[in-house]
Amino acid sequence: MAKKRPQTKAAAPQLKDGEVPVVGAREPCPCGSGRRYKACHGRAASHAVTELVQRPFEGLAGECDWVALRELVPAATVELTLKDGLPEGVPSVTLATVLPMAWPALRRDDGSVLLGLQNDTPSGDLSRDLADTLTRALTAEPGTPVAAQRVDPQGPRLQDLLDPAAAFEPAVHSGFEFWVPDSENATPEVSASLERANAAAIPTVRLTSVDSSYWCETPDKNHLRWVMPHEEERLLDALARLHAAGTSSLGEGTRLVGSFRAHGLTVPVWDLPSAMTAEECEKPAAAFAERLAGALADESPLTPEERRARGGLTNRQVTLS
């Protein structure tokens, strides 16, 4: 059996943790320890980058709508307001659900920035990933996309860059024509990507009577998906109370069928008749919001029937992220 090779003494001077640059996992660690980067300073860096942040949008205006646009809405945009104002040469910054060719961001010819939300991200902190992309997009050459890259685990987050007092008002679109100012003169690659995206987009409408609630149309039935800010256990108790009382629906032919869990928030889902439009959901949704407020305020123990209803809702819960 071969003997282990003795570790050689580091010839390079030791560096402080903050000075150690990122290198390849199998390369010698720049700190001079004689070990590979992945077994030395890369271990802490990797942990910092991959550690999952459960609520990446917490503290941002419109947290529930951030979650909806990330997970549920095909085509939407939101004008973003930066804490320090727009840099010179950047007329606007717009968040978009998806960008052509799945680009993380795009600096348009006029200097404006589009930031894509529905992209694979390299770390466990979606907010930090998006902030890194946004920061690089602000200084990118006009007319160029911004690629994904490894993120500094100590870099800024969206909460550091965006104005918390600014309104977050999504505009839901029927297609992705917002990608280009003049879609008729787009490049063949962008035109093909636009055509594919439009064909796959599910018709979606944001309700106005309640916050962060989205109606969508599918071939068999329609749905209402409502991102709620309440603590999960408390919300499930309240939904169970309403379900057991027979008041969890949105009217005839509708049914509360379960919920998603996404980015630390709960998203109840209703099945709707295929003929029920978004406009027809407005009044029932507002009435349900009033019933839910009453159920959330009820702190009494659940009855056996309510516990059974809660178990059924929990069993039908799906985690998206």
Protein backbone atom coordinates (compact mmCIF):
# COMPACT_ATOMS: atom_id res chain seq x y z
CA MET A 1 0.00 0.00 0.00
CA ALA A 2 1.51 3.32 -1.04
CA LYS A 3 2.46 5.72 1.65
CA LYS A 4 0.81 9.10 1.78
CA ARG A 5 2.99 11.79 0.29
CA PRO A 6 4.14 14.16 3.04
CA GLN A 7 2.66 17.62 2.78
CA THR A 8 5.13 20.17 1.54
CA LYS A 9 5.65 23.34 3.47
CA ALA A 10 4.06 26.35 1.85
CA ALA A 11 6.57 28.59 0.20
CA ALA A 12 4.14 31.40 -0.43
CA PRO A 13 3.34 33.86 2.36
CA GLN A 14 0.08 33.33 4.26
CA LEU A 15 -2.72 35.68 3.26
CA LYS A 16 -5.58 36.97 5.31
CA ASP A 17 -8.98 35.44 4.54
CA GLY A 18 -10.25 38.61 2.90
CA GLU A 19 -7.32 38.65 0.48
CA VAL A 20 -7.66 35.09 -0.83
CA PRO A 21 -8.85 35.23 -4.47
CA VAL A 22 -11.16 32.64 -6.05
CA VAL A 23 -9.34 30.02 -8.18
CA GLY A 24 -10.18 26.61 -9.66
CA ALA A 25 -11.26 23.95 -7.17
CA ARG A 26 -8.23 21.72 -7.93
CA GLU A 27 -5.65 24.50 -8.00
CA PRO A 28 -3.38 25.22 -5.01
CA CYS A 29 -5.03 27.57 -2.56
CA PRO A 30 -3.59 31.10 -2.97
CA CYS A 31 -3.26 31.37 0.81
CA GLY A 32 -0.12 29.19 0.63
CA SER A 33 -1.37 26.31 2.77
CA GLY A 34 -0.23 23.72 0.22
CA ARG A 35 -3.75 22.30 -0.05
CA ARG A 36 -6.11 22.49 -3.00
CA TYR A 37 -8.47 25.45 -3.01
CA LYS A 38 -11.57 23.26 -2.60
CA ALA A 39 -10.14 21.75 0.61
CA CYS A 40 -9.01 25.09 2.03
CA HIS A 41 -10.55 28.53 1.56
CA GLY A 42 -12.79 27.20 -1.23
CA ARG A 43 -14.73 25.13 1.29
CA ALA A 44 -16.01 28.17 3.17
CA ALA A 45 -16.57 30.08 -0.07
CA SER A 46 -18.58 27.19 -1.54
CA HIS A 47 -20.70 26.91 1.60
CA ALA A 48 -21.40 30.65 1.56
CA VAL A 49 -22.42 30.54 -2.09
CA THR A 50 -24.63 27.44 -1.94
CA GLU A 51 -26.38 28.02 1.41
CA LEU A 52 -30.07 28.39 0.63
CA VAL A 53 -31.83 31.62 1.56
CA GLN A 54 -35.43 30.61 2.21
CA ARG A 55 -36.97 34.05 1.61
CA PRO A 56 -34.69 35.86 -0.85
CA PHE A 57 -37.20 38.68 -1.48
CA GLU A 58 -37.98 39.39 2.18
CA GLY A 59 -37.77 43.11 2.89
CA LEU A 60 -38.43 44.14 -0.71
CA ALA A 61 -41.56 46.04 -1.66
CA GLY A 62 -44.00 43.57 -3.23
CA GLU A 63 -42.37 40.38 -1.91
CA CYS A 64 -45.44 38.31 -2.85
CA ASP A 65 -45.40 39.63 -6.41
CA TRP A 66 -41.66 38.93 -6.70
CA VAL A 67 -42.46 35.30 -5.88
CA ALA A 68 -45.35 35.21 -8.35
CA LEU A 69 -43.25 36.63 -11.18
CA ARG A 70 -40.43 34.22 -10.42
CA GLU A 71 -42.58 31.07 -10.30
CA LEU A 72 -46.06 31.57 -11.74
CA VAL A 73 -46.35 34.38 -14.30
CA PRO A 74 -45.08 33.82 -17.86
CA ALA A 75 -44.75 37.39 -19.14
CA ALA A 76 -44.56 40.48 -16.95
CA THR A 77 -42.41 43.54 -16.32
CA VAL A 78 -41.88 45.96 -13.43
CA GLU A 79 -40.05 49.28 -13.43
CA LEU A 80 -37.41 49.20 -10.66
CA THR A 81 -36.20 52.18 -8.63
CA LEU A 82 -32.61 52.16 -7.39
CA LYS A 83 -31.70 53.59 -3.97
CA ASP A 84 -28.97 55.80 -5.41
CA GLY A 85 -30.82 56.72 -8.57
CA LEU A 86 -30.02 55.71 -12.13
CA PRO A 87 -26.40 55.93 -13.32
CA GLU A 88 -25.60 58.30 -16.14
CA GLY A 89 -26.55 56.78 -19.48
CA VAL A 90 -29.11 54.35 -17.99
CA PRO A 91 -32.61 55.76 -18.62
CA SER A 92 -34.46 52.91 -16.89
CA VAL A 93 -34.15 49.52 -15.17
CA THR A 94 -36.93 46.99 -15.79
CA LEU A 95 -37.45 43.61 -14.18
CA ALA A 96 -38.76 41.01 -16.66
CA THR A 97 -39.92 37.47 -16.01
CA VAL A 98 -37.97 36.07 -18.98
CA LEU A 99 -35.55 37.55 -21.52
CA PRO A 100 -34.71 36.32 -25.04
CA MET A 101 -32.25 33.43 -25.21
CA ALA A 102 -32.71 33.11 -21.41
CA TRP A 103 -30.22 35.94 -20.85
CA PRO A 104 -29.82 36.94 -17.18
CA ALA A 105 -29.87 40.61 -18.21
CA LEU A 106 -29.69 42.84 -21.27
CA ARG A 107 -28.33 46.34 -21.78
CA ARG A 108 -30.31 47.76 -24.68
CA ASP A 109 -28.93 50.01 -27.39
CA ASP A 110 -30.44 53.05 -25.66
CA GLY A 111 -28.67 52.16 -22.40
CA SER A 112 -31.75 50.88 -20.56
CA VAL A 113 -31.46 47.64 -18.59
CA LEU A 114 -33.71 44.56 -18.59
CA LEU A 115 -33.14 42.16 -15.67
CA GLY A 116 -34.42 38.58 -16.08
CA LEU A 117 -36.01 36.89 -13.06
CA GLN A 118 -36.74 33.33 -14.20
CA ASN A 119 -33.17 32.08 -14.66
CA ASP A 120 -31.00 29.38 -13.15
CA THR A 121 -28.80 31.00 -10.53
CA PRO A 122 -25.34 29.94 -9.33
CA SER A 123 -25.89 30.30 -5.58
CA GLY A 124 -28.50 29.66 -2.94
CA ASP A 125 -29.30 33.35 -2.56
CA LEU A 126 -31.44 34.47 -5.46
CA SER A 127 -31.39 38.07 -4.26
CA ARG A 128 -27.58 38.23 -4.31
CA ASP A 129 -27.44 36.56 -7.74
CA LEU A 130 -29.87 39.08 -9.21
CA ALA A 131 -28.07 42.00 -7.58
CA ASP A 132 -24.76 40.84 -9.07
CA THR A 133 -26.32 40.58 -12.54
CA LEU A 134 -27.98 43.99 -12.18
CA THR A 135 -24.74 45.64 -11.06
CA ARG A 136 -22.87 44.30 -14.08
CA ALA A 137 -25.72 45.21 -16.45
CA LEU A 138 -25.56 48.85 -15.35
CA THR A 139 -22.00 49.12 -16.68
CA ALA A 140 -22.26 46.74 -19.65
CA GLU A 141 -21.79 48.04 -23.17
CA PRO A 142 -25.12 49.16 -24.71
CA GLY A 143 -26.57 46.51 -27.00
CA THR A 144 -25.07 43.53 -25.14
CA PRO A 145 -26.47 40.72 -22.97
CA VAL A 146 -25.05 39.95 -19.51
CA ALA A 147 -24.00 36.36 -18.80
CA ALA A 148 -24.24 34.49 -15.51
CA GLN A 149 -21.14 34.17 -13.35
CA ARG A 150 -19.98 33.01 -9.95
CA VAL A 151 -21.21 35.43 -7.28
CA ASP A 152 -19.18 37.01 -4.51
CA PRO A 153 -20.76 35.66 -1.28
CA GLN A 154 -20.16 39.06 0.32
CA GLY A 155 -21.60 41.03 -2.60
CA PRO A 156 -24.71 43.24 -2.43
CA ARG A 157 -28.28 41.92 -2.49
CA LEU A 158 -31.34 43.42 -4.12
CA GLN A 159 -32.29 44.81 -0.72
CA ASP A 160 -29.07 46.89 -0.85
CA LEU A 161 -29.71 48.25 -4.34
CA LEU A 162 -33.47 48.88 -4.62
CA ASP A 163 -35.49 51.67 -3.02
CA PRO A 164 -37.73 49.99 -0.38
CA ALA A 165 -40.22 52.87 -0.52
CA ALA A 166 -40.82 52.61 -4.27
CA ALA A 167 -43.97 50.90 -5.50
CA PHE A 168 -43.68 47.45 -7.07
CA GLU A 169 -46.41 47.29 -9.71
CA PRO A 170 -46.21 44.37 -12.17
CA ALA A 171 -47.57 44.79 -15.67
CA VAL A 172 -48.69 41.39 -16.99
CA HIS A 173 -48.38 40.92 -20.76
CA SER A 174 -50.03 38.51 -23.17
CA GLY A 175 -46.69 37.90 -24.90
CA PHE A 176 -43.02 38.87 -24.90
CA GLU A 177 -43.03 41.73 -27.41
CA PHE A 178 -41.55 43.92 -24.66
CA TRP A 179 -38.23 42.19 -25.38
CA VAL A 180 -37.49 44.47 -28.30
CA PRO A 181 -38.65 48.01 -29.12
CA ASP A 182 -39.30 46.99 -32.73
CA SER A 183 -40.10 43.27 -32.90
CA GLU A 184 -40.51 43.38 -36.69
CA ASN A 185 -36.82 44.24 -37.09
CA ALA A 186 -35.46 41.83 -34.49
CA THR A 187 -32.63 39.44 -35.36
CA PRO A 188 -33.64 35.94 -36.55
CA GLU A 189 -32.45 34.40 -33.27
CA VAL A 190 -34.49 36.79 -31.14
CA SER A 191 -37.52 36.46 -33.44
CA ALA A 192 -37.41 32.66 -33.15
CA SER A 193 -37.05 32.85 -29.38
CA LEU A 194 -39.95 35.32 -29.23
CA GLU A 195 -42.17 33.04 -31.30
CA ARG A 196 -41.41 30.01 -29.11
CA ALA A 197 -41.99 31.97 -25.90
CA ASN A 198 -45.31 33.42 -27.07
CA ALA A 199 -46.54 29.97 -28.07
CA ALA A 200 -45.79 28.58 -24.61
CA ALA A 201 -47.18 31.49 -22.55
CA ILE A 202 -50.27 30.69 -20.49
CA PRO A 203 -52.81 33.57 -20.51
CA THR A 204 -52.48 35.22 -17.10
CA VAL A 205 -54.16 38.21 -15.42
CA ARG A 206 -53.33 39.93 -12.12
CA LEU A 207 -56.43 40.66 -10.05
CA THR A 208 -57.00 44.22 -8.84
CA SER A 209 -59.33 43.57 -5.90
CA VAL A 210 -56.71 41.71 -3.83
CA ASP A 211 -52.92 41.68 -3.73
CA SER A 212 -50.64 39.21 -5.52
CA SER A 213 -53.42 37.05 -6.95
CA TYR A 214 -53.16 35.72 -10.51
CA TRP A 215 -55.81 34.13 -12.71
CA CYS A 216 -54.59 31.83 -15.48
CA GLU A 217 -56.23 29.93 -18.30
CA THR A 218 -55.37 26.34 -19.21
CA PRO A 219 -57.04 24.03 -21.75
CA ASP A 220 -59.08 22.01 -19.22
CA LYS A 221 -59.82 24.52 -16.46
CA ASN A 222 -58.78 27.90 -15.15
CA HIS A 223 -56.94 28.54 -11.91
CA LEU A 224 -56.42 31.26 -9.34
CA ARG A 225 -53.00 31.29 -7.66
CA TRP A 226 -52.65 33.68 -4.76
CA VAL A 227 -49.30 34.38 -3.09
CA MET A 228 -49.91 35.21 0.58
CA PRO A 229 -47.57 36.88 3.10
CA HIS A 230 -48.86 35.12 6.21
CA GLU A 231 -46.78 32.69 8.25
CA GLU A 232 -47.34 29.22 6.79
CA GLU A 233 -48.66 27.34 9.83
CA ARG A 234 -51.05 30.13 10.73
CA LEU A 235 -52.29 30.38 7.16
CA LEU A 236 -52.88 26.63 6.87
CA ASP A 237 -54.89 26.71 10.10
CA ALA A 238 -57.04 29.53 8.72
CA LEU A 239 -57.57 27.80 5.38
CA ALA A 240 -58.52 24.61 7.23
CA ARG A 241 -61.14 26.47 9.28
CA LEU A 242 -62.69 27.86 6.11
CA HIS A 243 -62.47 24.52 4.29
CA ALA A 244 -64.17 22.66 7.12
CA ALA A 245 -66.91 25.31 7.21
CA GLY A 246 -67.48 24.99 3.47
CA THR A 247 -66.42 28.59 2.80
CA SER A 248 -63.02 28.09 1.15
CA SER A 249 -64.29 28.23 -2.44
CA LEU A 250 -64.67 31.25 -4.71
CA GLY A 251 -68.20 30.41 -5.75
CA GLU A 252 -70.08 27.70 -7.61
CA GLY A 253 -67.86 25.26 -9.49
CA THR A 254 -64.65 26.47 -7.78
CA ARG A 255 -62.53 24.55 -5.29
CA LEU A 256 -59.49 25.16 -3.10
CA VAL A 257 -57.28 22.27 -4.22
CA GLY A 258 -54.04 22.85 -2.30
CA SER A 259 -51.07 25.17 -2.28
CA PHE A 260 -47.51 25.75 -3.44
CA ARG A 261 -44.63 26.66 -1.19
CA ALA A 262 -42.28 29.05 -2.95
CA HIS A 263 -39.40 31.17 -1.61
CA GLY A 264 -40.70 30.98 1.94
CA LEU A 265 -44.29 31.94 1.12
CA THR A 266 -47.47 29.91 0.65
CA VAL A 267 -49.52 30.06 -2.55
CA PRO A 268 -53.09 28.67 -2.27
CA VAL A 269 -54.55 27.43 -5.57
CA TRP A 270 -58.16 27.21 -6.68
CA ASP A 271 -59.59 25.27 -9.61
CA LEU A 272 -62.07 27.38 -11.58
CA PRO A 273 -64.56 26.53 -14.33
CA SER A 274 -63.10 27.08 -17.79
CA ALA A 275 -65.75 29.74 -18.44
CA MET A 276 -64.83 31.80 -15.34
CA THR A 277 -62.86 34.90 -16.37
CA ALA A 278 -60.43 36.94 -14.33
CA GLU A 279 -62.99 39.72 -14.02
CA GLU A 280 -65.50 37.26 -12.56
CA CYS A 281 -62.94 36.32 -9.88
CA GLU A 282 -62.61 39.85 -8.50
CA LYS A 283 -65.64 39.99 -6.17
CA PRO A 284 -65.35 36.39 -4.91
CA ALA A 285 -61.65 36.93 -4.19
CA ALA A 286 -62.36 40.11 -2.22
CA ALA A 287 -65.05 38.32 -0.23
CA PHE A 288 -62.68 35.42 0.47
CA ALA A 289 -60.03 37.87 1.71
CA GLU A 290 -62.51 39.10 4.35
CA ARG A 291 -63.33 35.53 5.44
CA LEU A 292 -59.64 34.68 5.60
CA ALA A 293 -58.91 37.71 7.79
CA GLY A 294 -61.49 36.48 10.27
CA ALA A 295 -60.06 32.95 10.23
CA LEU A 296 -56.53 34.27 10.73
CA ALA A 297 -57.69 36.16 13.81
CA ASP A 298 -59.20 33.00 15.35
CA GLU A 299 -56.69 31.56 17.84
CA SER A 300 -58.87 28.76 19.22
CA PRO A 301 -57.66 25.15 18.81
CA LEU A 302 -58.71 23.40 15.60
CA THR A 303 -61.67 21.07 15.85
CA PRO A 304 -61.27 17.44 14.73
CA GLU A 305 -62.96 18.29 11.42
CA GLU A 306 -60.67 21.28 10.93
CA ARG A 307 -57.60 19.15 11.69
CA ARG A 308 -58.70 16.67 9.02
CA ALA A 309 -59.17 19.51 6.55
CA ARG A 310 -55.71 20.82 7.43
CA GLY A 311 -54.19 17.39 6.87
CA GLY A 312 -55.76 17.23 3.43
CA LEU A 313 -54.40 20.68 2.51
CA THR A 314 -50.93 19.78 3.79
CA ASN A 315 -50.88 16.54 1.80
CA ARG A 316 -51.64 18.49 -1.37
CA GLN A 317 -48.90 21.06 -0.82
CA VAL A 318 -46.07 21.19 -3.35
CA THR A 319 -42.72 22.93 -2.81
CA LEU A 320 -41.50 24.86 -5.86
CA SER A 321 -38.33 26.29 -4.33
